[in-house]
Amino acid sequence: MNTLLNVFLFTICYCQSETFLKICLYDKYELFKQDPILFFPVMQSANIFILTIFSLFTIHLLFFSKIKNYTIYSLAFVYSKYVMDNISNNIISIHHYEFRRTIMWLFTTPLILKMYCHMNNCNLIDINAQYHVISNVLHIVLYPFRRTNYNTYIIITLSVFELYFIYNLFSLKEQKYTQFIIYIWCLFSIITMIELINIFSTHDIQICYLLSDMIAKLTTILIVNDYEEQMYHIRTNVDLQSISLFTAIKKSIINFENTTNITPKCKTIIKKITNDLITFIPRDKTPLKLELLKKILPLELEENYLSQSKEYKPYDFVCVLFTDIVSYTELAKQYDADVIYKLLNDVYTRFDDIVNHYTNLQKIETIGDAYMVVGDIYTNDKTNHVKNIILLAIDFLKEIKKIVTPNNIPLQLRIGINIGKVVVGILGIEIPRLCVIGNTVNVANRLQTTADPDTIQISRHIYELAESHDFGVNINFELKENVFLKNIGITNTYIISIPN
């Protein structure tokens, strides 16, 4: 909002500058009171053409473009106002016409440089824009000396500021859009030199300035808008995994810098890559926050949290799966915390990838070495849920064998599965947590704790739904009698081992 207000006030200042200058300069100095001249018809036609092009492009920016760059708007409005003034009031003195153009430059060139800085993640001070602004201001202040003998010295002195500004730009030649800026500034400097040594007539010089202005302003808007459109497309397609990628790249760069003697050329590349990564980050973080919230609160419960609803929902016949890493406590005692963290992260990352292949299964949480999954709460296809959750468990047992401890010992897993009634809701506001609650969950957890290593222990309800089902692989169900489940009692369960 502050940017919009600043740009709006900046544009308004330009629109009112003609009134202010009439009082302070035009009515005060004889220089501006010369007999007016009528400029060539070609200049009038060129101005009408320029105004048409800028009007069409401004309409596109305002109503059809997804980009809301207020600096571009301001540049388009200021230059359009300048061209409209030339069209409506083209019978003026040559010095009045030149001075009007100088005022336009004072307002438009900082906008061009501001857009350049925005593209390269720097500010106006970084590119020494103050030298150009000082030159422009002095040109305006000293313009009443235009017809005096001092004029040549003034132009040469101001050109030194401009040349120094251009010279500093060469040190930024690896940045985007720099060469274009240099070419534009050199173009105007060349025209100034031509004017100083009187190679062209006054009218020809004005045509040169007119064409150069049109090229500079229109090309700048087209280039910047195209760049913004590309960045908009990238930013709107950035998800949480993309952010993880950017973070991994940044960490790799930092690690490389800390472990390597960096050459100056390599530093330049690192700086460019880092700046590019920054430009990819969305300015509006709302979609990323919603995506993160959906991962924290799946099953379409994020709306409940956003509305601070305390509502919970009961469901019948929901499959619940628990896994547990065998001898995890001993592993935690044997290895440092960072080793255990990397081990668990590897396990859960693999498990997450496997769960994502099953569209009707949902990971709920991980607590230490425990991993919990439930079936789809929105469909009543109990048989299909049971089939998929058993196949998921088998995939887990196969995958865990690919992960070894630092001593090269494969990990082992215990899995418990149950089906029944549950309640699903959100607990907490500050750090919301999706919870699946009920005796079905407790039984699934107890089935996991009493399972043998590398086996899946299922309840009788799961077995009754699964025994006659075709899983596409050879699965044997082994009855296990009189299993004591803590706080539940003695029951018969069934064991599934990894099929050959």
Protein backbone atom coordinates (compact mmCIF):
# COMPACT_ATOMS: atom_id res chain seq x y z
CA MET A 1 0.00 0.00 0.00
CA ASN A 2 2.87 2.38 0.80
CA THR A 3 4.37 1.71 -2.64
CA LEU A 4 1.06 2.48 -4.32
CA LEU A 5 0.68 5.71 -2.35
CA ASN A 6 4.24 6.83 -3.09
CA VAL A 7 3.88 6.16 -6.81
CA PHE A 8 0.50 7.89 -6.88
CA LEU A 9 1.88 11.02 -5.18
CA PHE A 10 4.92 10.95 -7.47
CA THR A 11 2.66 10.89 -10.55
CA ILE A 12 0.43 13.64 -9.17
CA CYS A 13 3.49 15.82 -8.58
CA TYR A 14 4.43 15.54 -12.23
CA CYS A 15 0.89 16.33 -13.38
CA GLN A 16 0.94 19.52 -11.29
CA SER A 17 4.49 20.51 -12.24
CA GLU A 18 3.37 22.56 -15.27
CA THR A 19 1.23 24.82 -13.10
CA PHE A 20 3.99 25.27 -10.56
CA LEU A 21 6.64 26.00 -13.20
CA LYS A 22 4.47 28.57 -14.92
CA ILE A 23 4.50 30.66 -11.75
CA CYS A 24 8.15 30.10 -10.85
CA LEU A 25 9.83 30.07 -14.28
CA TYR A 26 7.74 30.56 -17.39
CA ASP A 27 6.35 33.94 -16.29
CA LYS A 28 9.63 35.05 -14.73
CA TYR A 29 12.38 34.46 -17.30
CA GLU A 30 12.56 36.05 -20.74
CA LEU A 31 13.94 32.80 -22.07
CA PHE A 32 10.44 31.28 -22.00
CA LYS A 33 8.72 34.31 -23.46
CA GLN A 34 10.07 33.99 -26.99
CA ASP A 35 7.64 33.85 -29.85
CA PRO A 36 6.08 30.37 -30.07
CA ILE A 37 6.82 28.17 -33.05
CA LEU A 38 4.76 25.48 -34.74
CA PHE A 39 6.63 22.18 -34.77
CA PHE A 40 6.82 20.00 -37.83
CA PRO A 41 3.60 18.06 -38.57
CA VAL A 42 5.67 14.86 -38.40
CA MET A 43 6.31 15.54 -34.69
CA GLN A 44 2.61 16.03 -34.05
CA SER A 45 1.81 12.80 -35.90
CA ALA A 46 4.57 10.96 -34.02
CA ASN A 47 3.18 12.18 -30.69
CA ILE A 48 -0.32 11.02 -31.62
CA PHE A 49 1.08 7.61 -32.61
CA ILE A 50 3.06 7.37 -29.35
CA LEU A 51 0.01 8.32 -27.29
CA THR A 52 -2.09 5.68 -29.05
CA ILE A 53 0.47 2.96 -28.38
CA PHE A 54 0.89 3.93 -24.74
CA SER A 55 -2.86 4.20 -24.20
CA LEU A 56 -3.47 0.71 -25.58
CA PHE A 57 -0.64 -0.75 -23.54
CA THR A 58 -1.80 1.03 -20.37
CA ILE A 59 -5.32 -0.38 -20.87
CA HIS A 60 -3.77 -3.83 -21.19
CA LEU A 61 -1.77 -3.32 -17.99
CA LEU A 62 -4.74 -2.07 -15.99
CA PHE A 63 -7.44 -4.50 -17.09
CA PHE A 64 -5.89 -7.59 -18.64
CA SER A 65 -2.44 -8.13 -17.15
CA LYS A 66 -2.02 -10.17 -13.97
CA ILE A 67 0.96 -8.02 -13.08
CA LYS A 68 0.32 -5.08 -10.76
CA ASN A 69 3.55 -3.11 -11.01
CA TYR A 70 2.74 0.41 -9.90
CA THR A 71 6.09 1.73 -11.11
CA ILE A 72 5.20 0.70 -14.67
CA TYR A 73 1.81 2.40 -14.27
CA SER A 74 3.49 5.60 -13.11
CA LEU A 75 5.98 5.58 -16.00
CA ALA A 76 3.17 5.04 -18.51
CA PHE A 77 1.00 7.80 -16.98
CA VAL A 78 3.81 10.36 -16.70
CA TYR A 79 5.01 9.83 -20.26
CA SER A 80 1.43 9.78 -21.61
CA LYS A 81 0.74 13.08 -19.82
CA TYR A 82 3.90 14.56 -21.36
CA VAL A 83 2.87 13.44 -24.86
CA MET A 84 -0.69 14.73 -24.38
CA ASP A 85 0.70 18.13 -23.36
CA ASN A 86 2.77 18.21 -26.54
CA ILE A 87 -0.25 17.34 -28.67
CA SER A 88 -2.63 19.81 -27.05
CA ASN A 89 -0.11 22.61 -26.75
CA ASN A 90 2.35 22.29 -29.63
CA ILE A 91 2.61 26.00 -30.39
CA ILE A 92 5.16 26.98 -27.74
CA SER A 93 8.69 28.35 -27.63
CA ILE A 94 11.51 25.91 -28.29
CA HIS A 95 12.94 26.49 -24.80
CA HIS A 96 9.56 25.83 -23.21
CA TYR A 97 9.37 22.58 -25.17
CA GLU A 98 12.90 21.55 -24.14
CA PHE A 99 12.31 22.41 -20.52
CA ARG A 100 9.07 20.41 -20.48
CA ARG A 101 11.06 17.42 -21.73
CA THR A 102 13.72 17.93 -19.05
CA ILE A 103 11.04 17.88 -16.35
CA MET A 104 9.65 14.66 -17.84
CA TRP A 105 13.11 13.11 -17.67
CA LEU A 106 13.43 14.09 -14.01
CA PHE A 107 10.31 12.04 -13.24
CA THR A 108 10.65 9.11 -15.65
CA THR A 109 14.34 8.17 -15.42
CA PRO A 110 14.20 7.35 -11.67
CA LEU A 111 11.22 5.10 -12.43
CA ILE A 112 13.21 3.29 -15.13
CA LEU A 113 16.15 2.86 -12.76
CA LYS A 114 13.82 1.74 -9.96
CA MET A 115 12.47 -1.05 -12.20
CA TYR A 116 16.02 -2.02 -13.10
CA CYS A 117 16.89 -2.26 -9.39
CA HIS A 118 13.77 -4.30 -8.70
CA MET A 119 14.77 -6.83 -11.37
CA ASN A 120 18.25 -7.17 -9.85
CA ASN A 121 17.40 -7.02 -6.13
CA CYS A 122 19.35 -3.84 -5.47
CA ASN A 123 18.54 -0.21 -4.71
CA LEU A 124 19.16 3.13 -6.42
CA ILE A 125 22.19 3.89 -4.25
CA ASP A 126 23.82 0.61 -5.30
CA ILE A 127 23.86 1.76 -8.93
CA ASN A 128 24.87 5.37 -8.07
CA ALA A 129 21.63 6.75 -9.46
CA GLN A 130 22.15 9.86 -7.35
CA TYR A 131 24.67 11.15 -9.91
CA HIS A 132 22.06 11.00 -12.66
CA VAL A 133 19.40 12.63 -10.45
CA ILE A 134 21.82 15.41 -9.44
CA SER A 135 22.61 16.02 -13.11
CA ASN A 136 18.91 16.28 -13.94
CA VAL A 137 18.14 18.61 -11.04
CA LEU A 138 21.07 20.89 -11.89
CA HIS A 139 19.98 20.92 -15.52
CA ILE A 140 16.57 22.23 -14.44
CA VAL A 141 17.97 24.76 -11.98
CA LEU A 142 20.52 26.10 -14.49
CA TYR A 143 18.26 26.02 -17.53
CA PRO A 144 17.64 29.83 -17.44
CA PHE A 145 21.33 30.13 -18.49
CA ARG A 146 20.53 28.24 -21.68
CA ARG A 147 21.16 31.23 -23.99
CA THR A 148 24.25 32.48 -22.16
CA ASN A 149 27.93 31.76 -22.69
CA TYR A 150 27.85 29.51 -19.64
CA ASN A 151 25.63 26.95 -21.36
CA THR A 152 28.50 24.96 -22.93
CA TYR A 153 30.32 24.67 -19.61
CA ILE A 154 27.11 23.69 -17.86
CA ILE A 155 26.42 20.90 -20.37
CA ILE A 156 29.99 19.59 -20.13
CA THR A 157 29.87 19.62 -16.33
CA LEU A 158 26.53 17.82 -16.21
CA SER A 159 27.79 15.31 -18.77
CA VAL A 160 30.58 14.38 -16.37
CA PHE A 161 27.95 13.29 -13.83
CA GLU A 162 26.15 11.26 -16.48
CA LEU A 163 29.35 9.67 -17.78
CA TYR A 164 30.35 8.70 -14.26
CA PHE A 165 26.93 7.12 -13.77
CA ILE A 166 27.28 5.17 -17.05
CA TYR A 167 30.83 4.16 -16.12
CA ASN A 168 29.59 2.64 -12.84
CA LEU A 169 26.94 0.69 -14.72
CA PHE A 170 29.65 -1.24 -16.56
CA SER A 171 30.63 -2.86 -13.26
CA LEU A 172 27.08 -4.30 -13.15
CA LYS A 173 27.11 -5.62 -16.71
CA GLU A 174 26.41 -9.20 -15.52
CA GLN A 175 23.06 -8.02 -14.12
CA LYS A 176 19.83 -8.27 -16.08
CA TYR A 177 18.86 -5.31 -18.30
CA THR A 178 22.17 -3.46 -17.67
CA GLN A 179 23.29 -3.30 -21.28
CA PHE A 180 19.94 -1.86 -22.30
CA ILE A 181 20.23 0.88 -19.65
CA ILE A 182 23.76 1.69 -20.82
CA TYR A 183 22.66 1.88 -24.47
CA ILE A 184 19.76 4.18 -23.65
CA TRP A 185 21.87 6.54 -21.55
CA CYS A 186 24.61 6.56 -24.20
CA LEU A 187 22.01 7.33 -26.87
CA PHE A 188 20.86 10.46 -25.05
CA SER A 189 24.45 11.46 -24.30
CA ILE A 190 25.29 11.23 -28.01
CA ILE A 191 22.30 13.40 -28.94
CA THR A 192 23.40 15.94 -26.32
CA MET A 193 26.89 16.05 -27.85
CA ILE A 194 25.40 16.46 -31.34
CA GLU A 195 23.29 19.32 -30.05
CA LEU A 196 26.31 20.93 -28.41
CA ILE A 197 28.38 21.03 -31.59
CA ASN A 198 25.40 22.04 -33.79
CA ILE A 199 25.57 19.19 -36.32
CA PHE A 200 21.77 19.04 -36.66
CA SER A 201 19.19 21.78 -36.73
CA THR A 202 17.10 22.50 -33.67
CA HIS A 203 14.05 20.79 -35.15
CA ASP A 204 16.06 17.69 -36.11
CA ILE A 205 17.47 17.49 -32.61
CA GLN A 206 13.92 17.55 -31.18
CA ILE A 207 12.94 14.69 -33.49
CA CYS A 208 15.97 12.70 -32.29
CA TYR A 209 14.95 13.25 -28.67
CA LEU A 210 11.34 12.38 -29.43
CA LEU A 211 12.22 9.05 -31.08
CA SER A 212 14.75 8.18 -28.38
CA ASP A 213 12.21 8.91 -25.65
CA MET A 214 9.66 6.68 -27.32
CA ILE A 215 12.20 3.84 -27.71
CA ALA A 216 13.42 4.16 -24.13
CA LYS A 217 10.02 4.31 -22.42
CA LEU A 218 8.17 1.77 -24.55
CA THR A 219 11.01 -0.76 -24.61
CA THR A 220 11.51 -0.42 -20.86
CA ILE A 221 7.84 -1.12 -20.17
CA LEU A 222 7.79 -4.09 -22.56
CA ILE A 223 10.97 -5.63 -21.12
CA VAL A 224 9.98 -5.14 -17.49
CA ASN A 225 6.42 -6.33 -18.02
CA ASP A 226 7.64 -9.45 -19.82
CA TYR A 227 10.05 -10.14 -16.96
CA GLU A 228 7.29 -9.62 -14.39
CA GLU A 229 4.98 -11.95 -16.32
CA GLN A 230 7.65 -14.67 -16.27
CA MET A 231 8.28 -14.18 -12.55
CA TYR A 232 4.54 -14.22 -11.86
CA HIS A 233 4.21 -17.56 -13.66
CA ILE A 234 7.12 -19.01 -11.65
CA ARG A 235 5.96 -17.63 -8.28
CA THR A 236 2.37 -18.80 -8.71
CA ASN A 237 3.63 -22.34 -9.40
CA VAL A 238 5.92 -22.53 -6.37
CA ASP A 239 4.79 -25.09 -3.80
CA LEU A 240 6.26 -26.30 -0.52
CA GLN A 241 8.46 -28.83 -2.30
CA SER A 242 9.87 -26.01 -4.44
CA ILE A 243 10.68 -24.08 -1.26
CA SER A 244 12.45 -27.19 0.05
CA LEU A 245 14.44 -27.29 -3.19
CA PHE A 246 15.44 -23.62 -2.84
CA THR A 247 16.47 -24.26 0.77
CA ALA A 248 18.55 -27.28 -0.20
CA ILE A 249 20.29 -25.29 -2.94
CA LYS A 250 20.99 -22.44 -0.52
CA LYS A 251 22.39 -24.84 2.11
CA SER A 252 24.60 -26.47 -0.53
CA ILE A 253 25.91 -23.06 -1.57
CA ILE A 254 26.67 -22.12 2.06
CA ASN A 255 28.43 -25.45 2.62
CA PHE A 256 30.42 -24.94 -0.58
CA GLU A 257 31.44 -21.44 0.52
CA ASN A 258 32.54 -22.71 3.96
CA THR A 259 34.64 -25.55 2.58
CA THR A 260 36.11 -24.05 -0.59
CA ASN A 261 38.44 -21.20 -1.45
CA ILE A 262 36.05 -19.20 -3.64
CA THR A 263 37.39 -17.38 -6.70
CA PRO A 264 36.03 -13.93 -7.61
CA LYS A 265 34.28 -15.32 -10.70
CA CYS A 266 32.67 -18.05 -8.63
CA LYS A 267 31.48 -15.43 -6.12
CA THR A 268 29.75 -13.62 -8.95
CA ILE A 269 27.96 -16.81 -10.02
CA ILE A 270 26.95 -17.59 -6.42
CA LYS A 271 25.57 -14.08 -5.97
CA LYS A 272 23.56 -14.34 -9.19
CA ILE A 273 22.12 -17.76 -8.26
CA THR A 274 21.20 -16.51 -4.79
CA ASN A 275 19.50 -13.41 -6.19
CA ASP A 276 17.56 -15.52 -8.69
CA LEU A 277 16.38 -17.85 -5.93
CA ILE A 278 15.10 -14.86 -3.97
CA THR A 279 13.06 -13.65 -6.96
CA PHE A 280 11.34 -17.05 -7.19
CA ILE A 281 9.89 -16.78 -3.67
CA PRO A 282 6.21 -15.70 -3.87
CA ARG A 283 5.45 -12.31 -2.39
CA ASP A 284 2.03 -13.55 -1.32
CA LYS A 285 2.68 -16.45 1.07
CA THR A 286 -1.03 -17.27 1.52
CA PRO A 287 -1.13 -20.23 -0.95
CA LEU A 288 1.98 -21.73 0.69
CA LYS A 289 0.44 -21.30 4.14
CA LEU A 290 -2.76 -22.99 2.99
CA GLU A 291 -0.79 -25.84 1.43
CA LEU A 292 1.15 -26.30 4.67
CA LEU A 293 -2.10 -26.18 6.65
CA LYS A 294 -3.59 -28.88 4.42
CA LYS A 295 -0.58 -31.08 5.13
CA ILE A 296 -0.92 -30.48 8.87
CA LEU A 297 -4.70 -30.85 8.76
CA PRO A 298 -5.59 -33.23 5.91
CA LEU A 299 -8.99 -34.78 5.20
CA GLU A 300 -10.35 -31.32 4.27
CA LEU A 301 -10.32 -30.19 7.92
CA GLU A 302 -8.32 -27.00 7.31
CA GLU A 303 -11.60 -25.10 6.87
CA ASN A 304 -12.64 -26.10 10.39
CA TYR A 305 -9.41 -24.67 11.76
CA LEU A 306 -9.66 -21.43 9.78
CA SER A 307 -13.20 -20.92 11.10
CA GLN A 308 -12.02 -22.00 14.59
CA SER A 309 -14.72 -24.65 14.60
CA LYS A 310 -14.63 -27.13 17.52
CA GLU A 311 -16.65 -29.59 15.50
CA TYR A 312 -15.57 -33.23 15.35
CA LYS A 313 -16.97 -36.03 13.19
CA PRO A 314 -17.61 -39.69 14.01
CA TYR A 315 -16.93 -42.31 11.32
CA ASP A 316 -17.66 -46.02 11.04
CA PHE A 317 -15.34 -48.65 9.60
CA VAL A 318 -12.14 -46.65 9.29
CA CYS A 319 -8.88 -48.61 8.90
CA VAL A 320 -6.07 -47.58 11.25
CA LEU A 321 -2.42 -48.64 10.87
CA PHE A 322 0.48 -48.18 13.27
CA THR A 323 4.15 -48.96 12.62
CA ASP A 324 7.03 -49.10 15.07
CA ILE A 325 10.77 -49.55 14.51
CA VAL A 326 12.05 -52.60 16.41
CA SER A 327 14.68 -51.82 19.09
CA TYR A 328 14.37 -48.08 18.51
CA THR A 329 15.12 -47.31 22.17
CA GLU A 330 18.42 -49.21 21.96
CA LEU A 331 19.29 -47.40 18.74
CA ALA A 332 18.59 -44.04 20.38
CA LYS A 333 20.96 -44.93 23.22
CA GLN A 334 23.65 -46.22 20.88
CA TYR A 335 23.82 -43.32 18.40
CA ASP A 336 23.88 -39.53 18.63
CA ALA A 337 20.67 -37.56 18.18
CA ASP A 338 21.65 -36.26 14.73
CA VAL A 339 22.22 -39.84 13.49
CA ILE A 340 18.81 -40.92 14.79
CA TYR A 341 17.18 -37.85 13.24
CA LYS A 342 18.66 -38.59 9.80
CA LEU A 343 17.65 -42.25 10.13
CA LEU A 344 14.03 -41.41 11.03
CA ASN A 345 13.86 -38.75 8.33
CA ASP A 346 14.99 -41.30 5.76
CA VAL A 347 12.38 -43.83 6.96
CA TYR A 348 9.48 -41.38 7.06
CA THR A 349 10.38 -39.75 3.74
CA ARG A 350 10.25 -43.18 2.08
CA PHE A 351 7.01 -44.04 3.89
CA ASP A 352 5.44 -40.72 2.82
CA ASP A 353 6.30 -41.48 -0.82
CA ILE A 354 4.68 -44.91 -0.53
CA VAL A 355 1.52 -43.54 1.11
CA ASN A 356 1.17 -41.01 -1.70
CA HIS A 357 0.72 -43.87 -4.16
CA TYR A 358 -2.51 -44.85 -2.37
CA THR A 359 -5.14 -42.21 -3.05
CA ASN A 360 -7.56 -43.44 -0.34
CA LEU A 361 -5.01 -43.59 2.51
CA GLN A 362 -3.89 -40.67 4.65
CA LYS A 363 -0.87 -40.27 6.92
CA ILE A 364 -1.97 -38.77 10.24
CA GLU A 365 1.13 -38.29 12.36
CA THR A 366 4.54 -39.49 13.46
CA ILE A 367 5.54 -39.63 17.12
CA GLY A 368 9.13 -40.71 17.63
CA ASP A 369 9.42 -43.97 15.73
CA ALA A 370 5.63 -44.48 15.46
CA TYR A 371 3.91 -43.82 12.13
CA MET A 372 0.10 -43.69 11.78
CA VAL A 373 -2.08 -44.05 8.67
CA VAL A 374 -5.87 -44.19 8.28
CA GLY A 375 -8.18 -45.14 5.41
CA ASP A 376 -10.38 -42.72 3.50
CA ILE A 377 -13.09 -41.37 5.84
CA TYR A 378 -15.28 -40.17 2.96
CA THR A 379 -16.06 -43.53 1.30
CA ASN A 380 -17.60 -46.70 2.67
CA ASP A 381 -15.72 -49.22 0.55
CA LYS A 382 -14.45 -51.26 3.50
CA THR A 383 -13.04 -54.11 1.42
CA ASN A 384 -10.96 -51.83 -0.80
CA HIS A 385 -9.68 -49.94 2.25
CA VAL A 386 -8.56 -53.16 3.89
CA LYS A 387 -6.85 -54.35 0.71
CA ASN A 388 -4.93 -51.10 0.28
CA ILE A 389 -3.87 -50.74 3.88
CA ILE A 390 -2.53 -54.32 3.95
CA LEU A 391 -0.65 -53.74 0.69
CA LEU A 392 0.71 -50.50 2.21
CA ALA A 393 1.93 -52.43 5.25
CA ILE A 394 3.65 -54.97 3.00
CA ASP A 395 5.31 -52.12 1.08
CA PHE A 396 6.53 -50.69 4.41
CA LEU A 397 8.08 -54.02 5.42
CA LYS A 398 9.84 -54.33 2.06
CA GLU A 399 11.10 -50.75 2.13
CA ILE A 400 12.44 -50.91 5.71
CA LYS A 401 14.83 -53.68 4.64
CA LYS A 402 16.56 -51.18 2.33
CA ILE A 403 17.48 -48.94 5.29
CA VAL A 404 20.38 -49.90 7.52
CA THR A 405 21.88 -48.56 10.75
CA PRO A 406 25.40 -47.06 10.79
CA ASN A 407 26.54 -50.60 11.70
CA ASN A 408 25.02 -51.84 8.43
CA ILE A 409 22.20 -53.74 10.15
CA PRO A 410 18.82 -53.63 8.36
CA LEU A 411 15.99 -52.07 10.33
CA GLN A 412 12.98 -54.11 11.39
CA LEU A 413 9.35 -53.06 11.68
CA ARG A 414 6.24 -54.07 13.62
CA ILE A 415 2.83 -53.18 12.19
CA GLY A 416 -0.67 -53.33 13.64
CA ILE A 417 -3.94 -52.81 11.73
CA ASN A 418 -7.52 -52.52 12.95
CA ILE A 419 -10.87 -51.28 11.60
CA GLY A 420 -13.83 -49.72 13.41
CA LYS A 421 -15.40 -46.53 14.68
CA VAL A 422 -13.31 -43.39 15.20
CA VAL A 423 -13.79 -39.69 15.85
CA VAL A 424 -11.84 -37.19 13.72
CA GLY A 425 -11.24 -33.60 14.78
CA ILE A 426 -8.75 -30.81 15.46
CA LEU A 427 -7.19 -30.39 18.89
CA GLY A 428 -5.66 -27.04 19.82
CA ILE A 429 -5.56 -23.60 18.22
CA GLU A 430 -2.01 -22.28 18.69
CA ILE A 431 -0.41 -25.42 17.21
CA PRO A 432 -3.32 -27.32 15.66
CA ARG A 433 -3.17 -31.10 15.52
CA LEU A 434 -5.37 -33.50 13.60
CA CYS A 435 -6.43 -36.36 15.86
CA VAL A 436 -8.14 -39.68 15.17
CA ILE A 437 -9.54 -40.94 18.47
CA GLY A 438 -11.33 -44.07 19.59
CA ASN A 439 -10.93 -47.62 20.82
CA THR A 440 -10.17 -48.67 17.23
CA VAL A 441 -7.00 -46.57 17.40
CA ASN A 442 -6.00 -48.03 20.77
CA VAL A 443 -6.44 -51.60 19.49
CA ALA A 444 -4.38 -50.88 16.35
CA ASN A 445 -1.61 -49.48 18.53
CA ARG A 446 -1.68 -52.53 20.84
CA LEU A 447 -1.61 -54.85 17.84
CA GLN A 448 1.55 -53.11 16.72
CA THR A 449 3.27 -53.31 20.11
CA THR A 450 2.60 -57.08 20.40
CA ALA A 451 3.51 -57.96 16.80
CA ASP A 452 6.66 -59.96 16.04
CA PRO A 453 9.47 -58.18 14.15
CA ASP A 454 8.85 -57.86 10.42
CA THR A 455 5.24 -58.96 10.68
CA ILE A 456 1.81 -57.37 10.36
CA GLN A 457 -0.65 -58.15 13.15
CA ILE A 458 -4.29 -57.58 12.23
CA SER A 459 -7.54 -57.78 14.15
CA ARG A 460 -10.27 -60.34 13.50
CA HIS A 461 -12.38 -57.63 11.79
CA ILE A 462 -9.61 -56.95 9.29
CA TYR A 463 -9.12 -60.68 8.68
CA GLU A 464 -12.83 -61.26 7.99
CA LEU A 465 -12.81 -58.55 5.32
CA ALA A 466 -9.46 -59.60 3.82
CA GLU A 467 -9.45 -63.44 3.83
CA SER A 468 -11.40 -63.85 0.59
CA HIS A 469 -9.91 -60.87 -1.20
CA ASP A 470 -7.49 -61.14 -4.13
CA PHE A 471 -4.43 -59.02 -3.28
CA GLY A 472 -2.53 -59.82 -6.45
CA VAL A 473 0.25 -61.36 -4.33
CA ASN A 474 0.41 -64.51 -2.24
CA ILE A 475 -0.60 -63.59 1.32
CA ASN A 476 -0.92 -66.09 4.16
CA PHE A 477 -2.90 -65.32 7.30
CA GLU A 478 -1.67 -67.13 10.40
CA LEU A 479 -3.96 -67.33 13.46
CA LYS A 480 -2.36 -66.18 16.72
CA GLU A 481 -4.44 -67.17 19.72
CA ASN A 482 -4.74 -65.64 23.17
CA VAL A 483 -2.84 -62.42 22.50
CA PHE A 484 -2.90 -60.09 25.48
CA LEU A 485 -3.49 -56.47 24.52
CA LYS A 486 -2.82 -54.05 27.39
CA ASN A 487 -5.98 -52.36 28.76
CA ILE A 488 -8.04 -54.32 26.22
CA GLY A 489 -7.76 -57.97 27.14
CA ILE A 490 -7.04 -61.33 25.54
CA THR A 491 -8.06 -61.82 21.90
CA ASN A 492 -7.23 -63.81 18.79
CA THR A 493 -5.33 -62.01 16.05
CA TYR A 494 -3.84 -62.85 12.67
CA ILE A 495 -0.27 -62.48 11.45
CA ILE A 496 0.87 -61.55 7.92
CA SER A 497 4.53 -61.98 7.03
CA ILE A 498 6.29 -60.57 3.98
CA PRO A 499 5.22 -62.73 1.01
CA ASN A 500 7.92 -64.21 -1.22
